[in-house]
Amino acid sequence: MKTLIALLAWCLLLVLCWPLAILALVLWPLVWLLSLPFRLVGITFTALFAFLAALLMLPARLLGGGPRPAAAST
Protein backbone atom coordinates (compact mmCIF):
# COMPACT_ATOMS: atom_id res chain seq x y z
CA MET A 1 0.00 0.00 0.00
CA LYS A 2 2.87 2.33 0.86
CA THR A 3 4.48 1.61 -2.50
CA LEU A 4 1.26 2.34 -4.36
CA ILE A 5 0.89 5.71 -2.64
CA ALA A 6 4.52 6.57 -3.44
CA LEU A 7 4.00 5.60 -7.08
CA LEU A 8 0.84 7.69 -7.35
CA ALA A 9 2.59 10.66 -5.73
CA TRP A 10 5.48 10.32 -8.17
CA CYS A 11 3.09 10.13 -11.15
CA LEU A 12 1.33 13.27 -9.92
CA LEU A 13 4.69 14.99 -9.57
CA LEU A 14 5.62 13.83 -13.07
CA VAL A 15 2.51 15.46 -14.48
CA LEU A 16 2.91 18.69 -12.50
CA CYS A 17 6.68 19.17 -12.68
CA TRP A 18 8.55 16.55 -14.67
CA PRO A 19 12.12 17.83 -14.04
CA LEU A 20 11.60 17.54 -10.30
CA ALA A 21 10.14 14.04 -10.71
CA ILE A 22 13.15 12.89 -12.76
CA LEU A 23 15.52 14.45 -10.20
CA ALA A 24 13.71 12.63 -7.38
CA LEU A 25 13.99 9.38 -9.33
CA VAL A 26 17.73 9.84 -9.80
CA LEU A 27 18.46 10.97 -6.23
CA TRP A 28 16.34 8.31 -4.47
CA PRO A 29 19.13 5.66 -4.41
CA LEU A 30 21.51 8.19 -2.85
CA VAL A 31 19.00 9.06 -0.15
CA TRP A 32 18.49 5.34 0.51
CA LEU A 33 22.25 4.82 0.86
CA LEU A 34 22.54 7.74 3.26
CA SER A 35 19.69 6.41 5.43
CA LEU A 36 21.18 2.90 5.74
CA PRO A 37 23.44 3.67 8.74
CA PHE A 38 20.50 5.17 10.64
CA ARG A 39 18.44 2.04 9.98
CA LEU A 40 21.28 -0.14 11.25
CA VAL A 41 21.53 1.97 14.40
CA GLY A 42 17.76 1.61 14.90
CA ILE A 43 17.93 -2.17 14.51
CA THR A 44 20.82 -2.31 16.97
CA PHE A 45 18.98 -0.26 19.60
CA THR A 46 15.84 -2.36 19.18
CA ALA A 47 17.86 -5.52 19.75
CA LEU A 48 19.64 -3.95 22.73
CA PHE A 49 16.38 -2.95 24.41
CA ALA A 50 14.86 -6.39 23.78
CA PHE A 51 17.95 -7.97 25.36
CA LEU A 52 17.74 -5.68 28.39
CA ALA A 53 14.04 -6.42 28.84
CA ALA A 54 14.71 -10.15 28.68
CA LEU A 55 17.57 -9.80 31.13
CA LEU A 56 15.47 -7.82 33.61
CA MET A 57 12.58 -10.29 33.38
CA LEU A 58 14.80 -13.37 33.75
CA PRO A 59 14.58 -13.65 37.58
CA ALA A 60 10.79 -13.48 37.48
CA ARG A 61 10.63 -16.10 34.74
CA LEU A 62 12.98 -18.40 36.68
CA LEU A 63 10.82 -18.07 39.80
CA GLY A 64 7.70 -19.02 37.90
CA GLY A 65 6.26 -15.62 37.18
CA GLY A 66 4.50 -14.80 33.99
CA PRO A 67 1.02 -14.92 32.59
CA ARG A 68 -1.33 -17.28 34.36
CA PRO A 69 -3.75 -19.44 32.38
CA ALA A 70 -7.25 -18.04 32.35
CA ALA A 71 -9.62 -19.72 34.79
CA ALA A 72 -12.35 -21.69 33.10
CA SER A 73 -15.71 -20.19 33.91
CA THR A 74 -18.49 -22.72 34.39
PDB file of N, CA and C in Angstrom:
ATOM      1  N   MET A   1       0.827  -1.193   0.000  1.00  0.00           N
ATOM      2  CA  MET A   1       0.000   0.000   0.000  1.00  0.00           C
ATOM      3  C   MET A   1       0.872   1.257   0.000  1.00  0.00           C
ATOM      4  N   LYS A   2       1.957   1.189   0.787  1.00  0.00           N
ATOM      5  CA  LYS A   2       2.865   2.328   0.859  1.00  0.00           C
ATOM      6  C   LYS A   2       3.525   2.584  -0.502  1.00  0.00           C
ATOM      7  N   THR A   3       3.854   1.491  -1.192  1.00  0.00           N
ATOM      8  CA  THR A   3       4.485   1.608  -2.501  1.00  0.00           C
ATOM      9  C   THR A   3       3.526   2.211  -3.519  1.00  0.00           C
ATOM     10  N   LEU A   4       2.259   1.809  -3.448  1.00  0.00           N
ATOM     11  CA  LEU A   4       1.258   2.339  -4.363  1.00  0.00           C
ATOM     12  C   LEU A   4       1.072   3.837  -4.168  1.00  0.00           C
ATOM     13  N   ILE A   5       1.032   4.282  -2.923  1.00  0.00           N
ATOM     14  CA  ILE A   5       0.889   5.711  -2.644  1.00  0.00           C
ATOM     15  C   ILE A   5       2.103   6.476  -3.150  1.00  0.00           C
ATOM     16  N   ALA A   6       3.305   5.910  -2.946  1.00  0.00           N
ATOM     17  CA  ALA A   6       4.522   6.568  -3.437  1.00  0.00           C
ATOM     18  C   ALA A   6       4.515   6.654  -4.962  1.00  0.00           C
ATOM     19  N   LEU A   7       4.062   5.596  -5.615  1.00  0.00           N
ATOM     20  CA  LEU A   7       3.997   5.601  -7.082  1.00  0.00           C
ATOM     21  C   LEU A   7       2.995   6.634  -7.591  1.00  0.00           C
ATOM     22  N   LEU A   8       1.839   6.705  -6.944  1.00  0.00           N
ATOM     23  CA  LEU A   8       0.841   7.692  -7.347  1.00  0.00           C
ATOM     24  C   LEU A   8       1.332   9.120  -7.108  1.00  0.00           C
ATOM     25  N   ALA A   9       2.044   9.333  -6.000  1.00  0.00           N
ATOM     26  CA  ALA A   9       2.593  10.664  -5.727  1.00  0.00           C
ATOM     27  C   ALA A   9       3.645  11.028  -6.771  1.00  0.00           C
ATOM     28  N   TRP A  10       4.464  10.039  -7.162  1.00  0.00           N
ATOM     29  CA  TRP A  10       5.481  10.316  -8.174  1.00  0.00           C
ATOM     30  C   TRP A  10       4.837  10.606  -9.531  1.00  0.00           C
ATOM     31  N   CYS A  11       3.787   9.872  -9.884  1.00  0.00           N
ATOM     32  CA  CYS A  11       3.088  10.133 -11.151  1.00  0.00           C
ATOM     33  C   CYS A  11       2.456  11.524 -11.151  1.00  0.00           C
ATOM     34  N   LEU A  12       1.900  11.925 -10.034  1.00  0.00           N
ATOM     35  CA  LEU A  12       1.331  13.267  -9.925  1.00  0.00           C
ATOM     36  C   LEU A  12       2.423  14.323 -10.071  1.00  0.00           C
ATOM     37  N   LEU A  13       3.569  14.069  -9.440  1.00  0.00           N
ATOM     38  CA  LEU A  13       4.689  14.994  -9.566  1.00  0.00           C
ATOM     39  C   LEU A  13       5.205  15.029 -10.998  1.00  0.00           C
ATOM     40  N   LEU A  14       5.187  13.891 -11.676  1.00  0.00           N
ATOM     41  CA  LEU A  14       5.622  13.833 -13.073  1.00  0.00           C
ATOM     42  C   LEU A  14       4.720  14.686 -13.955  1.00  0.00           C
ATOM     43  N   VAL A  15       3.449  14.663 -13.687  1.00  0.00           N
ATOM     44  CA  VAL A  15       2.507  15.463 -14.477  1.00  0.00           C
ATOM     45  C   VAL A  15       2.668  16.947 -14.164  1.00  0.00           C
ATOM     46  N   LEU A  16       2.848  17.280 -12.884  1.00  0.00           N
ATOM     47  CA  LEU A  16       2.910  18.690 -12.501  1.00  0.00           C
ATOM     48  C   LEU A  16       4.266  19.326 -12.791  1.00  0.00           C
ATOM     49  N   CYS A  17       5.338  18.601 -12.510  1.00  0.00           N
ATOM     50  CA  CYS A  17       6.681  19.174 -12.681  1.00  0.00           C
ATOM     51  C   CYS A  17       7.651  18.044 -13.007  1.00  0.00           C
ATOM     52  N   TRP A  18       7.769  17.719 -14.292  1.00  0.00           N
ATOM     53  CA  TRP A  18       8.550  16.548 -14.667  1.00  0.00           C
ATOM     54  C   TRP A  18      10.038  16.646 -14.350  1.00  0.00           C
ATOM     55  N   PRO A  19      10.691  17.820 -14.403  1.00  0.00           N
ATOM     56  CA  PRO A  19      12.120  17.826 -14.043  1.00  0.00           C
ATOM     57  C   PRO A  19      12.363  17.442 -12.581  1.00  0.00           C
ATOM     58  N   LEU A  20      11.470  17.889 -11.708  1.00  0.00           N
ATOM     59  CA  LEU A  20      11.597  17.540 -10.303  1.00  0.00           C
ATOM     60  C   LEU A  20      11.349  16.042 -10.079  1.00  0.00           C
ATOM     61  N   ALA A  21      10.422  15.471 -10.833  1.00  0.00           N
ATOM     62  CA  ALA A  21      10.141  14.037 -10.714  1.00  0.00           C
ATOM     63  C   ALA A  21      11.340  13.211 -11.175  1.00  0.00           C
ATOM     64  N   ILE A  22      11.969  13.606 -12.262  1.00  0.00           N
ATOM     65  CA  ILE A  22      13.149  12.886 -12.759  1.00  0.00           C
ATOM     66  C   ILE A  22      14.305  13.040 -11.764  1.00  0.00           C
ATOM     67  N   LEU A  23      14.469  14.230 -11.198  1.00  0.00           N
ATOM     68  CA  LEU A  23      15.520  14.450 -10.196  1.00  0.00           C
ATOM     69  C   LEU A  23      15.287  13.580  -8.957  1.00  0.00           C
ATOM     70  N   ALA A  24      14.042  13.480  -8.529  1.00  0.00           N
ATOM     71  CA  ALA A  24      13.713  12.634  -7.380  1.00  0.00           C
ATOM     72  C   ALA A  24      14.003  11.170  -7.697  1.00  0.00           C
ATOM     73  N   LEU A  25      13.729  10.751  -8.918  1.00  0.00           N
ATOM     74  CA  LEU A  25      13.986   9.378  -9.326  1.00  0.00           C
ATOM     75  C   LEU A  25      15.476   9.067  -9.338  1.00  0.00           C
ATOM     76  N   VAL A  26      16.279  10.043  -9.738  1.00  0.00           N
ATOM     77  CA  VAL A  26      17.732   9.845  -9.804  1.00  0.00           C
ATOM     78  C   VAL A  26      18.358   9.908  -8.412  1.00  0.00           C
ATOM     79  N   LEU A  27      17.858  10.792  -7.556  1.00  0.00           N
ATOM     80  CA  LEU A  27      18.456  10.971  -6.233  1.00  0.00           C
ATOM     81  C   LEU A  27      17.967   9.970  -5.187  1.00  0.00           C
ATOM     82  N   TRP A  28      16.884   9.232  -5.465  1.00  0.00           N
ATOM     83  CA  TRP A  28      16.339   8.314  -4.466  1.00  0.00           C
ATOM     84  C   TRP A  28      17.339   7.256  -4.001  1.00  0.00           C
ATOM     85  N   PRO A  29      18.142   6.625  -4.900  1.00  0.00           N
ATOM     86  CA  PRO A  29      19.132   5.655  -4.411  1.00  0.00           C
ATOM     87  C   PRO A  29      20.180   6.274  -3.488  1.00  0.00           C
ATOM     88  N   LEU A  30      20.551   7.521  -3.734  1.00  0.00           N
ATOM     89  CA  LEU A  30      21.514   8.188  -2.852  1.00  0.00           C
ATOM     90  C   LEU A  30      20.917   8.446  -1.472  1.00  0.00           C
ATOM     91  N   VAL A  31      19.673   8.846  -1.432  1.00  0.00           N
ATOM     92  CA  VAL A  31      18.996   9.062  -0.146  1.00  0.00           C
ATOM     93  C   VAL A  31      18.887   7.740   0.604  1.00  0.00           C
ATOM     94  N   TRP A  32      18.589   6.660  -0.116  1.00  0.00           N
ATOM     95  CA  TRP A  32      18.489   5.337   0.508  1.00  0.00           C
ATOM     96  C   TRP A  32      19.833   4.916   1.100  1.00  0.00           C
ATOM     97  N   LEU A  33      20.921   5.163   0.365  1.00  0.00           N
ATOM     98  CA  LEU A  33      22.251   4.817   0.862  1.00  0.00           C
ATOM     99  C   LEU A  33      22.620   5.636   2.092  1.00  0.00           C
ATOM    100  N   LEU A  34      22.244   6.903   2.101  1.00  0.00           N
ATOM    101  CA  LEU A  34      22.543   7.744   3.264  1.00  0.00           C
ATOM    102  C   LEU A  34      21.723   7.342   4.492  1.00  0.00           C
ATOM    103  N   SER A  35      20.528   6.782   4.291  1.00  0.00           N
ATOM    104  CA  SER A  35      19.688   6.406   5.425  1.00  0.00           C
ATOM    105  C   SER A  35      20.040   5.024   5.983  1.00  0.00           C
ATOM    106  N   LEU A  36      20.830   4.246   5.265  1.00  0.00           N
ATOM    107  CA  LEU A  36      21.181   2.902   5.740  1.00  0.00           C
ATOM    108  C   LEU A  36      21.849   2.878   7.115  1.00  0.00           C
ATOM    109  N   PRO A  37      22.842   3.706   7.401  1.00  0.00           N
ATOM    110  CA  PRO A  37      23.441   3.668   8.737  1.00  0.00           C
ATOM    111  C   PRO A  37      22.438   3.958   9.852  1.00  0.00           C
ATOM    112  N   PHE A  38      21.493   4.862   9.615  1.00  0.00           N
ATOM    113  CA  PHE A  38      20.497   5.174  10.637  1.00  0.00           C
ATOM    114  C   PHE A  38      19.570   3.985  10.878  1.00  0.00           C
ATOM    115  N   ARG A  39      19.252   3.248   9.815  1.00  0.00           N
ATOM    116  CA  ARG A  39      18.442   2.043   9.977  1.00  0.00           C
ATOM    117  C   ARG A  39      19.193   0.992  10.782  1.00  0.00           C
ATOM    118  N   LEU A  40      20.477   0.837  10.507  1.00  0.00           N
ATOM    119  CA  LEU A  40      21.277  -0.136  11.250  1.00  0.00           C
ATOM    120  C   LEU A  40      21.368   0.234  12.727  1.00  0.00           C
ATOM    121  N   VAL A  41      21.507   1.517  13.013  1.00  0.00           N
ATOM    122  CA  VAL A  41      21.527   1.971  14.403  1.00  0.00           C
ATOM    123  C   VAL A  41      20.179   1.682  15.064  1.00  0.00           C
ATOM    124  N   GLY A  42      19.090   1.897  14.360  1.00  0.00           N
ATOM    125  CA  GLY A  42      17.763   1.611  14.900  1.00  0.00           C
ATOM    126  C   GLY A  42      17.570   0.133  15.190  1.00  0.00           C
ATOM    127  N   ILE A  43      18.032  -0.724  14.297  1.00  0.00           N
ATOM    128  CA  ILE A  43      17.929  -2.171  14.513  1.00  0.00           C
ATOM    129  C   ILE A  43      18.761  -2.576  15.723  1.00  0.00           C
ATOM    130  N   THR A  44      19.947  -1.988  15.843  1.00  0.00           N
ATOM    131  CA  THR A  44      20.824  -2.308  16.968  1.00  0.00           C
ATOM    132  C   THR A  44      20.189  -1.902  18.294  1.00  0.00           C
ATOM    133  N   PHE A  45      19.611  -0.704  18.357  1.00  0.00           N
ATOM    134  CA  PHE A  45      18.978  -0.261  19.597  1.00  0.00           C
ATOM    135  C   PHE A  45      17.744  -1.090  19.925  1.00  0.00           C
ATOM    136  N   THR A  46      16.990  -1.497  18.931  1.00  0.00           N
ATOM    137  CA  THR A  46      15.839  -2.357  19.178  1.00  0.00           C
ATOM    138  C   THR A  46      16.278  -3.684  19.782  1.00  0.00           C
ATOM    139  N   ALA A  47      17.340  -4.262  19.221  1.00  0.00           N
ATOM    140  CA  ALA A  47      17.860  -5.523  19.751  1.00  0.00           C
ATOM    141  C   ALA A  47      18.413  -5.333  21.161  1.00  0.00           C
ATOM    142  N   LEU A  48      19.076  -4.215  21.409  1.00  0.00           N
ATOM    143  CA  LEU A  48      19.637  -3.950  22.732  1.00  0.00           C
ATOM    144  C   LEU A  48      18.538  -3.828  23.780  1.00  0.00           C
ATOM    145  N   PHE A  49      17.469  -3.109  23.462  1.00  0.00           N
ATOM    146  CA  PHE A  49      16.375  -2.945  24.412  1.00  0.00           C
ATOM    147  C   PHE A  49      15.632  -4.261  24.636  1.00  0.00           C
ATOM    148  N   ALA A  50      15.489  -5.079  23.608  1.00  0.00           N
ATOM    149  CA  ALA A  50      14.862  -6.391  23.782  1.00  0.00           C
ATOM    150  C   ALA A  50      15.720  -7.270  24.682  1.00  0.00           C
ATOM    151  N   PHE A  51      17.041  -7.202  24.516  1.00  0.00           N
ATOM    152  CA  PHE A  51      17.948  -7.970  25.360  1.00  0.00           C
ATOM    153  C   PHE A  51      17.859  -7.507  26.813  1.00  0.00           C
ATOM    154  N   LEU A  52      17.846  -6.200  27.018  1.00  0.00           N
ATOM    155  CA  LEU A  52      17.744  -5.679  28.386  1.00  0.00           C
ATOM    156  C   LEU A  52      16.422  -6.058  29.038  1.00  0.00           C
ATOM    157  N   ALA A  53      15.343  -6.021  28.288  1.00  0.00           N
ATOM    158  CA  ALA A  53      14.044  -6.415  28.842  1.00  0.00           C
ATOM    159  C   ALA A  53      14.054  -7.890  29.221  1.00  0.00           C
ATOM    160  N   ALA A  54      14.634  -8.724  28.362  1.00  0.00           N
ATOM    161  CA  ALA A  54      14.707 -10.152  28.675  1.00  0.00           C
ATOM    162  C   ALA A  54      15.595 -10.390  29.889  1.00  0.00           C
ATOM    163  N   LEU A  55      16.662  -9.641  29.997  1.00  0.00           N
ATOM    164  CA  LEU A  55      17.574  -9.795  31.129  1.00  0.00           C
ATOM    165  C   LEU A  55      16.919  -9.369  32.436  1.00  0.00           C
ATOM    166  N   LEU A  56      16.147  -8.291  32.405  1.00  0.00           N
ATOM    167  CA  LEU A  56      15.471  -7.821  33.611  1.00  0.00           C
ATOM    168  C   LEU A  56      14.326  -8.739  34.025  1.00  0.00           C
ATOM    169  N   MET A  57      13.691  -9.399  33.073  1.00  0.00           N
ATOM    170  CA  MET A  57      12.578 -10.291  33.378  1.00  0.00           C
ATOM    171  C   MET A  57      13.029 -11.710  33.706  1.00  0.00           C
ATOM    172  N   LEU A  58      14.305 -12.011  33.534  1.00  0.00           N
ATOM    173  CA  LEU A  58      14.796 -13.365  33.751  1.00  0.00           C
ATOM    174  C   LEU A  58      14.559 -13.881  35.166  1.00  0.00           C
ATOM    175  N   PRO A  59      14.845 -13.117  36.232  1.00  0.00           N
ATOM    176  CA  PRO A  59      14.575 -13.650  37.579  1.00  0.00           C
ATOM    177  C   PRO A  59      13.107 -14.011  37.804  1.00  0.00           C
ATOM    178  N   ALA A  60      12.213 -13.193  37.312  1.00  0.00           N
ATOM    179  CA  ALA A  60      10.786 -13.478  37.477  1.00  0.00           C
ATOM    180  C   ALA A  60      10.398 -14.733  36.704  1.00  0.00           C
ATOM    181  N   ARG A  61      10.952 -14.918  35.528  1.00  0.00           N
ATOM    182  CA  ARG A  61      10.629 -16.103  34.742  1.00  0.00           C
ATOM    183  C   ARG A  61      11.198 -17.354  35.393  1.00  0.00           C
ATOM    184  N   LEU A  62      12.387 -17.239  36.010  1.00  0.00           N
ATOM    185  CA  LEU A  62      12.979 -18.395  36.682  1.00  0.00           C
ATOM    186  C   LEU A  62      12.190 -18.785  37.930  1.00  0.00           C
ATOM    187  N   LEU A  63      11.593 -17.804  38.585  1.00  0.00           N
ATOM    188  CA  LEU A  63      10.818 -18.067  39.795  1.00  0.00           C
ATOM    189  C   LEU A  63       9.369 -18.440  39.498  1.00  0.00           C
ATOM    190  N   GLY A  64       9.042 -18.568  38.267  1.00  0.00           N
ATOM    191  CA  GLY A  64       7.699 -19.024  37.899  1.00  0.00           C
ATOM    192  C   GLY A  64       6.710 -17.913  37.635  1.00  0.00           C
ATOM    193  N   GLY A  65       7.171 -16.710  37.490  1.00  0.00           N
ATOM    194  CA  GLY A  65       6.261 -15.617  37.184  1.00  0.00           C
ATOM    195  C   GLY A  65       5.847 -15.678  35.719  1.00  0.00           C
ATOM    196  N   GLY A  66       4.943 -14.844  35.371  1.00  0.00           N
ATOM    197  CA  GLY A  66       4.498 -14.796  33.987  1.00  0.00           C
ATOM    198  C   GLY A  66       2.998 -14.856  33.917  1.00  0.00           C
ATOM    199  N   PRO A  67       2.482 -14.893  32.734  1.00  0.00           N
ATOM    200  CA  PRO A  67       1.021 -14.917  32.588  1.00  0.00           C
ATOM    201  C   PRO A  67       0.438 -16.232  33.106  1.00  0.00           C
ATOM    202  N   ARG A  68      -0.643 -16.110  33.841  1.00  0.00           N
ATOM    203  CA  ARG A  68      -1.328 -17.278  34.362  1.00  0.00           C
ATOM    204  C   ARG A  68      -2.397 -17.716  33.361  1.00  0.00           C
ATOM    205  N   PRO A  69      -2.659 -19.000  33.275  1.00  0.00           N
ATOM    206  CA  PRO A  69      -3.746 -19.437  32.381  1.00  0.00           C
ATOM    207  C   PRO A  69      -5.083 -18.926  32.895  1.00  0.00           C
ATOM    208  N   ALA A  70      -5.942 -18.569  31.981  1.00  0.00           N
ATOM    209  CA  ALA A  70      -7.248 -18.041  32.355  1.00  0.00           C
ATOM    210  C   ALA A  70      -8.081 -19.128  33.016  1.00  0.00           C
ATOM    211  N   ALA A  71      -8.773 -18.754  34.075  1.00  0.00           N
ATOM    212  CA  ALA A  71      -9.615 -19.716  34.791  1.00  0.00           C
ATOM    213  C   ALA A  71     -10.849 -20.026  33.950  1.00  0.00           C
ATOM    214  N   ALA A  72     -11.171 -21.294  33.872  1.00  0.00           N
ATOM    215  CA  ALA A  72     -12.347 -21.690  33.097  1.00  0.00           C
ATOM    216  C   ALA A  72     -13.601 -21.323  33.877  1.00  0.00           C
ATOM    217  N   SER A  73     -14.466 -20.578  33.249  1.00  0.00           N
ATOM    218  CA  SER A  73     -15.714 -20.193  33.909  1.00  0.00           C
ATOM    219  C   SER A  73     -16.781 -21.229  33.572  1.00  0.00           C
ATOM    220  N   THR A  74     -17.470 -21.683  34.602  1.00  0.00           N
ATOM    221  CA  THR A  74     -18.495 -22.722  34.390  1.00  0.00           C
ATOM    222  C   THR A  74     -19.866 -22.218  34.691  1.00  0.00           C
TER     223      THR A  74
END
